[in-house]
Amino acid sequence: ISSPNCSADGFCHSQGAMYLSTKWHGARRGMDIATREAKIAEIFKQLTWLEANKVEGPFLCGEDMTLADLTWMPTCVFMEFLLPRVFGWADPFGTASPFPRLAAWYQGLL
């Protein structure tokens, strides 16, 4: 799941699909509906992969907190807030999450 660190014209990061619409951000920064749908589907695919490949332990890479945890946490805050409200997802990190291992990791960081 790519973050908004690149601001090149025409670049569409997957995190931005949750909030960058052409209606509000214009054609330079916003994404059309088809692009947003594809990026949101990619988010689900990547969360599914991470759920299946998360190592045992309280953190993403095991027993110790790493940069992986620190870089994923802010993106997960976006996902927790926006995906259910804007795209109708179940809370990706709540009790009925389709990603129980990631939900436990996320709740452990709060």
C-alpha atoms as a PDB file:
ATOM      1  CA  ILE A   1       0.000   0.000   0.000  1.00  0.00           C
ATOM      2  CA  SER A   2       1.760   3.104  -1.197  1.00  0.00           C
ATOM      3  CA  SER A   3       1.691   6.372   0.685  1.00  0.00           C
ATOM      4  CA  PRO A   4       1.366   9.933  -0.629  1.00  0.00           C
ATOM      5  CA  ASN A   5       5.098  10.659  -0.531  1.00  0.00           C
ATOM      6  CA  CYS A   6       5.194  11.085  -4.302  1.00  0.00           C
ATOM      7  CA  SER A   7       3.361  14.121  -5.637  1.00  0.00           C
ATOM      8  CA  ALA A   8       4.208  13.709  -9.326  1.00  0.00           C
ATOM      9  CA  ASP A   9       1.437  14.636 -11.719  1.00  0.00           C
ATOM     10  CA  GLY A  10      -0.633  11.613 -12.621  1.00  0.00           C
ATOM     11  CA  PHE A  11       0.760   9.426  -9.819  1.00  0.00           C
ATOM     12  CA  CYS A  12      -2.006   7.707  -7.866  1.00  0.00           C
ATOM     13  CA  HIS A  13      -0.986   6.160  -4.567  1.00  0.00           C
ATOM     14  CA  SER A  14      -3.296   3.558  -3.086  1.00  0.00           C
ATOM     15  CA  GLN A  15      -3.705   5.363   0.234  1.00  0.00           C
ATOM     16  CA  GLY A  16      -4.963   8.429  -1.623  1.00  0.00           C
ATOM     17  CA  ALA A  17      -7.761   6.398  -3.195  1.00  0.00           C
ATOM     18  CA  MET A  18      -9.535   6.721   0.146  1.00  0.00           C
ATOM     19  CA  TYR A  19      -9.768  10.526  -0.088  1.00  0.00           C
ATOM     20  CA  LEU A  20      -8.468  12.011  -3.387  1.00  0.00           C
ATOM     21  CA  SER A  21     -11.426  12.525  -5.710  1.00  0.00           C
ATOM     22  CA  THR A  22     -11.369  14.603  -8.877  1.00  0.00           C
ATOM     23  CA  LYS A  23     -14.408  16.473  -7.527  1.00  0.00           C
ATOM     24  CA  TRP A  24     -12.498  17.853  -4.532  1.00  0.00           C
ATOM     25  CA  HIS A  25      -8.863  17.703  -5.633  1.00  0.00           C
ATOM     26  CA  GLY A  26      -9.045  18.304  -9.380  1.00  0.00           C
ATOM     27  CA  ALA A  27      -7.629  16.217 -12.204  1.00  0.00           C
ATOM     28  CA  ARG A  28      -3.973  16.772 -11.218  1.00  0.00           C
ATOM     29  CA  ARG A  29      -4.219  15.203  -7.743  1.00  0.00           C
ATOM     30  CA  GLY A  30      -7.579  13.460  -7.702  1.00  0.00           C
ATOM     31  CA  MET A  31      -8.505  10.032  -9.031  1.00  0.00           C
ATOM     32  CA  ASP A  32     -11.427   9.098 -11.215  1.00  0.00           C
ATOM     33  CA  ILE A  33     -13.888   6.496  -9.944  1.00  0.00           C
ATOM     34  CA  ALA A  34     -12.385   3.579 -11.887  1.00  0.00           C
ATOM     35  CA  THR A  35      -8.888   4.323 -10.573  1.00  0.00           C
ATOM     36  CA  ARG A  36     -10.161   4.703  -7.019  1.00  0.00           C
ATOM     37  CA  GLU A  37     -12.043   1.394  -7.241  1.00  0.00           C
ATOM     38  CA  ALA A  38      -8.933  -0.393  -8.515  1.00  0.00           C
ATOM     39  CA  LYS A  39      -6.775   1.104  -5.753  1.00  0.00           C
ATOM     40  CA  ILE A  40      -9.309   0.185  -3.051  1.00  0.00           C
ATOM     41  CA  ALA A  41      -9.385  -3.387  -4.393  1.00  0.00           C
ATOM     42  CA  GLU A  42      -5.570  -3.367  -4.214  1.00  0.00           C
ATOM     43  CA  ILE A  43      -5.752  -2.279  -0.557  1.00  0.00           C
ATOM     44  CA  PHE A  44      -7.949  -5.314   0.207  1.00  0.00           C
ATOM     45  CA  LYS A  45      -5.551  -7.581  -1.693  1.00  0.00           C
ATOM     46  CA  GLN A  46      -2.532  -6.237   0.210  1.00  0.00           C
ATOM     47  CA  LEU A  47      -4.272  -6.492   3.591  1.00  0.00           C
ATOM     48  CA  THR A  48      -5.189 -10.090   2.734  1.00  0.00           C
ATOM     49  CA  TRP A  49      -1.541 -10.830   1.918  1.00  0.00           C
ATOM     50  CA  LEU A  50      -0.294  -9.153   5.092  1.00  0.00           C
ATOM     51  CA  GLU A  51      -2.854 -11.042   7.195  1.00  0.00           C
ATOM     52  CA  ALA A  52      -1.629 -14.341   5.757  1.00  0.00           C
ATOM     53  CA  ASN A  53       2.065 -13.496   6.123  1.00  0.00           C
ATOM     54  CA  LYS A  54       2.268 -11.643   9.436  1.00  0.00           C
ATOM     55  CA  VAL A  55       4.777 -13.390  11.675  1.00  0.00           C
ATOM     56  CA  GLU A  56       3.801 -14.568  15.159  1.00  0.00           C
ATOM     57  CA  GLY A  57       4.119 -12.003  17.913  1.00  0.00           C
ATOM     58  CA  PRO A  58       2.486  -8.754  18.944  1.00  0.00           C
ATOM     59  CA  PHE A  59       4.148  -6.712  16.195  1.00  0.00           C
ATOM     60  CA  LEU A  60       4.235  -7.028  12.411  1.00  0.00           C
ATOM     61  CA  CYS A  61       7.730  -8.521  12.404  1.00  0.00           C
ATOM     62  CA  GLY A  62       7.578 -10.476  15.645  1.00  0.00           C
ATOM     63  CA  GLU A  63       8.329  -9.714  19.266  1.00  0.00           C
ATOM     64  CA  ASP A  64       9.826  -6.233  18.857  1.00  0.00           C
ATOM     65  CA  MET A  65       8.358  -3.039  17.470  1.00  0.00           C
ATOM     66  CA  THR A  66      10.065  -2.010  14.230  1.00  0.00           C
ATOM     67  CA  LEU A  67       9.749   0.669  11.588  1.00  0.00           C
ATOM     68  CA  ALA A  68       7.180  -1.572   9.914  1.00  0.00           C
ATOM     69  CA  ASP A  69       4.789  -0.953  12.824  1.00  0.00           C
ATOM     70  CA  LEU A  70       5.518   2.762  12.936  1.00  0.00           C
ATOM     71  CA  THR A  71       4.989   3.253   9.214  1.00  0.00           C
ATOM     72  CA  TRP A  72       1.861   1.087   8.941  1.00  0.00           C
ATOM     73  CA  MET A  73       0.036   2.532  11.937  1.00  0.00           C
ATOM     74  CA  PRO A  74      -0.794   5.962  10.409  1.00  0.00           C
ATOM     75  CA  THR A  75      -2.082   4.357   7.204  1.00  0.00           C
ATOM     76  CA  CYS A  76      -4.221   2.004   9.280  1.00  0.00           C
ATOM     77  CA  VAL A  77      -5.760   4.996  11.070  1.00  0.00           C
ATOM     78  CA  PHE A  78      -6.835   6.306   7.664  1.00  0.00           C
ATOM     79  CA  MET A  79      -8.194   2.890   6.716  1.00  0.00           C
ATOM     80  CA  GLU A  80     -10.088   2.436   9.994  1.00  0.00           C
ATOM     81  CA  PHE A  81     -11.810   5.790   9.590  1.00  0.00           C
ATOM     82  CA  LEU A  82     -12.368   6.082   5.840  1.00  0.00           C
ATOM     83  CA  LEU A  83     -12.995   2.584   4.491  1.00  0.00           C
ATOM     84  CA  PRO A  84     -16.180   1.955   6.526  1.00  0.00           C
ATOM     85  CA  ARG A  85     -17.528   5.507   6.122  1.00  0.00           C
ATOM     86  CA  VAL A  86     -16.748   6.132   2.458  1.00  0.00           C
ATOM     87  CA  PHE A  87     -16.612   2.652   0.921  1.00  0.00           C
ATOM     88  CA  GLY A  88     -18.952   0.621   3.141  1.00  0.00           C
ATOM     89  CA  TRP A  89     -16.320  -1.812   4.433  1.00  0.00           C
ATOM     90  CA  ALA A  90     -16.623  -3.467   7.796  1.00  0.00           C
ATOM     91  CA  ASP A  91     -14.137  -1.939  10.241  1.00  0.00           C
ATOM     92  CA  PRO A  92     -10.888  -3.483   8.969  1.00  0.00           C
ATOM     93  CA  PHE A  93      -9.457  -3.596  12.497  1.00  0.00           C
ATOM     94  CA  GLY A  94     -12.584  -4.114  14.614  1.00  0.00           C
ATOM     95  CA  THR A  95     -14.006  -7.211  16.274  1.00  0.00           C
ATOM     96  CA  ALA A  96     -15.634  -8.502  13.058  1.00  0.00           C
ATOM     97  CA  SER A  97     -12.566  -7.801  10.930  1.00  0.00           C
ATOM     98  CA  PRO A  98     -11.778 -10.044   7.966  1.00  0.00           C
ATOM     99  CA  PHE A  99      -8.169  -9.562   9.122  1.00  0.00           C
ATOM    100  CA  PRO A 100      -8.132 -10.831  12.725  1.00  0.00           C
ATOM    101  CA  ARG A 101      -4.336 -10.976  13.088  1.00  0.00           C
ATOM    102  CA  LEU A 102      -3.955  -7.411  11.811  1.00  0.00           C
ATOM    103  CA  ALA A 103      -6.844  -6.295  14.004  1.00  0.00           C
ATOM    104  CA  ALA A 104      -5.125  -7.744  17.071  1.00  0.00           C
ATOM    105  CA  TRP A 105      -1.884  -5.991  16.097  1.00  0.00           C
ATOM    106  CA  TYR A 106      -3.699  -2.680  15.559  1.00  0.00           C
ATOM    107  CA  GLN A 107      -5.673  -2.890  18.814  1.00  0.00           C
ATOM    108  CA  GLY A 108      -2.448  -3.743  20.663  1.00  0.00           C
ATOM    109  CA  LEU A 109      -0.881  -0.494  19.500  1.00  0.00           C
ATOM    110  CA  LEU A 110      -3.761   1.704  20.663  1.00  0.00           C
END
